[in-house]
Amino acid sequence: MPQKVYIASNQMVTFTCPECQNPRVVSLSEHKELEKAVKVRVTCKRCGHKYPVTIERRRQYRKTVNLPGTYTHLVNERLRGKGYMTVVDLSRTGLKIKLNDKGAFAIGDKLMIEFNLDDANHSLVKKEVVIKKIDKAELGVAFLSMHPSNPSDKALGFYMFG
């Protein structure tokens, strides 16, 4: 499985050789057009080992999870449908969900999602999200609001970085 690295805000990326642990810092400032994940083969300058790396330009760290929950589909503030979902990854600004059933979704539609984290408190997360990406039964969604006093936002913050 390829090593996954993220481009830092200064346009630098660090590769670490899986054989000798030698870090290599590379500037990607000439590749600002890079939007999607790119797979490359890196050759270690110390030991010569070649290894695959996936470079991603993400704004937020994503955590892979498997958390069951429910959603309510809203269009123009009207109920369009309800169903079950699984949260497959999450970040501070959004998440990716896999739906258990197919619905008629569009980018820009809103959902009310509800799920429990697998932390010690089984913290409830109840948030309104907007659909940003649709890929078959998976939806990429962004939180519509975030506030430090919101119990769901607090729980997510501790879960992600606690």
Protein backbone atom coordinates (compact mmCIF):
# COMPACT_ATOMS: atom_id res chain seq x y z
CA MET A 1 0.00 0.00 0.00
CA PRO A 2 1.43 3.40 -0.94
CA GLN A 3 2.58 5.83 1.70
CA LYS A 4 0.17 8.79 1.86
CA VAL A 5 1.60 12.30 2.27
CA TYR A 6 -0.10 15.68 2.43
CA ILE A 7 1.13 18.93 0.93
CA ALA A 8 1.78 21.46 3.68
CA SER A 9 0.64 25.07 3.44
CA ASN A 10 4.19 26.05 2.45
CA GLN A 11 3.92 23.72 -0.59
CA MET A 12 6.41 21.25 0.90
CA VAL A 13 5.95 17.51 1.25
CA THR A 14 8.02 14.99 3.24
CA PHE A 15 8.58 11.43 2.02
CA THR A 16 9.99 8.86 4.47
CA CYS A 17 11.76 5.81 3.08
CA PRO A 18 10.12 2.66 4.50
CA GLU A 19 13.49 0.83 4.35
CA CYS A 20 15.93 3.22 6.06
CA GLN A 21 13.50 5.86 7.48
CA ASN A 22 15.42 8.62 5.68
CA PRO A 23 13.17 11.68 5.30
CA ARG A 24 13.21 13.66 2.07
CA VAL A 25 11.59 17.11 1.88
CA VAL A 26 10.50 18.26 -1.58
CA SER A 27 8.99 21.54 -2.76
CA LEU A 28 5.86 21.24 -4.89
CA SER A 29 5.45 24.99 -5.37
CA GLU A 30 5.73 24.52 -9.14
CA HIS A 31 2.78 22.10 -9.07
CA LYS A 32 0.06 24.28 -7.52
CA GLU A 33 -2.44 22.95 -10.08
CA LEU A 34 -2.34 19.57 -8.33
CA GLU A 35 -5.95 19.05 -7.18
CA LYS A 36 -6.48 15.30 -6.96
CA ALA A 37 -4.37 12.61 -5.34
CA VAL A 38 -1.33 11.72 -7.44
CA LYS A 39 0.61 8.46 -7.22
CA VAL A 40 4.38 8.63 -7.72
CA ARG A 41 7.39 6.35 -7.24
CA VAL A 42 10.10 7.79 -5.03
CA THR A 43 13.72 6.64 -4.96
CA CYS A 44 15.50 7.07 -1.65
CA LYS A 45 18.70 9.08 -2.05
CA ARG A 46 20.33 7.24 0.86
CA CYS A 47 19.63 3.53 0.20
CA GLY A 48 18.18 3.54 -3.34
CA HIS A 49 14.91 1.83 -2.31
CA LYS A 50 11.97 2.62 -4.60
CA TYR A 51 8.54 2.97 -3.03
CA PRO A 52 5.05 4.20 -4.00
CA VAL A 53 3.66 7.42 -2.54
CA THR A 54 0.25 9.07 -2.89
CA ILE A 55 0.42 12.87 -2.67
CA GLU A 56 -2.75 14.65 -1.56
CA ARG A 57 -3.62 18.31 -1.26
CA ARG A 58 -6.13 18.24 1.57
CA ARG A 59 -7.07 21.10 3.79
CA GLN A 60 -7.90 18.85 6.72
CA TYR A 61 -6.66 15.57 8.12
CA ARG A 62 -9.14 12.76 7.54
CA LYS A 63 -9.66 9.89 9.95
CA THR A 64 -10.92 6.55 8.62
CA VAL A 65 -13.84 5.26 10.69
CA ASN A 66 -16.79 2.86 10.50
CA LEU A 67 -19.63 4.52 12.40
CA PRO A 68 -23.31 3.67 11.77
CA GLY A 69 -25.86 6.46 11.78
CA THR A 70 -28.95 7.96 10.21
CA TYR A 71 -29.68 10.81 7.84
CA THR A 72 -32.66 12.95 6.94
CA HIS A 73 -32.64 14.35 3.40
CA LEU A 74 -33.91 17.92 3.13
CA VAL A 75 -34.62 19.81 -0.11
CA ASN A 76 -35.81 23.42 0.22
CA GLU A 77 -36.25 22.75 3.96
CA ARG A 78 -38.73 19.94 3.14
CA LEU A 79 -38.32 16.30 4.09
CA ARG A 80 -37.31 14.26 1.03
CA GLY A 81 -36.39 11.01 2.78
CA LYS A 82 -34.64 9.24 5.63
CA GLY A 83 -32.23 6.35 5.80
CA TYR A 84 -29.26 4.61 7.33
CA MET A 85 -25.65 5.47 6.62
CA THR A 86 -22.13 4.62 7.68
CA VAL A 87 -19.54 7.33 8.28
CA VAL A 88 -16.39 6.07 6.53
CA ASP A 89 -14.11 9.03 7.18
CA LEU A 90 -14.31 12.34 8.93
CA SER A 91 -12.45 15.59 9.36
CA ARG A 92 -13.10 18.79 11.27
CA THR A 93 -14.94 20.29 8.29
CA GLY A 94 -16.90 17.33 6.91
CA LEU A 95 -17.14 13.62 6.31
CA LYS A 96 -17.71 10.88 3.79
CA ILE A 97 -20.77 8.73 4.27
CA LYS A 98 -21.87 5.52 2.61
CA LEU A 99 -25.62 5.16 2.21
CA ASN A 100 -27.43 1.87 2.77
CA ASP A 101 -30.03 2.75 0.15
CA LYS A 102 -30.09 4.84 -2.99
CA GLY A 103 -31.86 8.15 -3.09
CA ALA A 104 -32.14 11.04 -5.48
CA PHE A 105 -29.41 13.32 -4.18
CA ALA A 106 -27.91 16.42 -5.76
CA ILE A 107 -24.88 18.52 -4.93
CA GLY A 108 -26.09 21.32 -2.68
CA ASP A 109 -28.80 19.24 -0.98
CA LYS A 110 -28.81 19.32 2.81
CA LEU A 111 -28.88 16.41 5.22
CA MET A 112 -29.33 16.18 8.96
CA ILE A 113 -26.96 13.44 10.09
CA GLU A 114 -26.78 11.69 13.42
CA PHE A 115 -24.24 9.15 14.65
CA ASN A 116 -22.26 8.23 17.74
CA LEU A 117 -18.49 8.36 17.91
CA ASP A 118 -16.66 5.27 19.13
CA ASP A 119 -15.01 7.28 21.92
CA ALA A 120 -15.34 6.49 25.66
CA ASN A 121 -18.54 8.55 25.94
CA HIS A 122 -20.09 7.34 22.67
CA SER A 123 -20.58 11.05 21.96
CA LEU A 124 -23.58 11.94 19.84
CA VAL A 125 -22.88 13.96 16.71
CA LYS A 126 -25.92 15.66 15.25
CA LYS A 127 -25.12 18.10 12.44
CA GLU A 128 -26.56 19.70 9.34
CA VAL A 129 -24.39 19.10 6.27
CA VAL A 130 -24.41 19.99 2.60
CA ILE A 131 -23.56 17.52 -0.17
CA LYS A 132 -20.32 18.47 -1.96
CA LYS A 133 -19.55 15.26 -3.87
CA ILE A 134 -21.53 12.22 -5.04
CA ASP A 135 -19.80 8.96 -5.95
CA LYS A 136 -22.35 6.14 -6.34
CA ALA A 137 -23.49 5.26 -2.79
CA GLU A 138 -20.92 7.55 -1.15
CA LEU A 139 -21.44 11.23 -0.41
CA GLY A 140 -18.82 13.80 0.52
CA VAL A 141 -20.47 16.34 2.79
CA ALA A 142 -19.38 19.52 4.58
CA PHE A 143 -20.64 20.76 7.92
CA LEU A 144 -22.78 23.87 7.49
CA SER A 145 -21.67 25.38 10.78
CA MET A 146 -19.04 24.83 13.42
CA HIS A 147 -18.88 26.50 16.79
CA PRO A 148 -16.69 25.67 19.80
CA SER A 149 -19.68 25.72 22.16
CA ASN A 150 -21.65 23.19 20.09
CA PRO A 151 -21.50 19.78 21.88
CA SER A 152 -21.13 17.89 18.56
CA ASP A 153 -18.26 20.16 17.46
CA LYS A 154 -16.53 19.76 20.84
CA ALA A 155 -16.84 15.98 20.64
CA LEU A 156 -15.47 15.94 17.08
CA GLY A 157 -12.54 18.13 18.08
CA PHE A 158 -11.55 15.86 20.96
CA TYR A 159 -12.12 12.76 18.82
CA MET A 160 -9.94 14.00 15.97
CA PHE A 161 -7.12 15.59 17.93
CA GLY A 162 -7.59 14.55 21.55
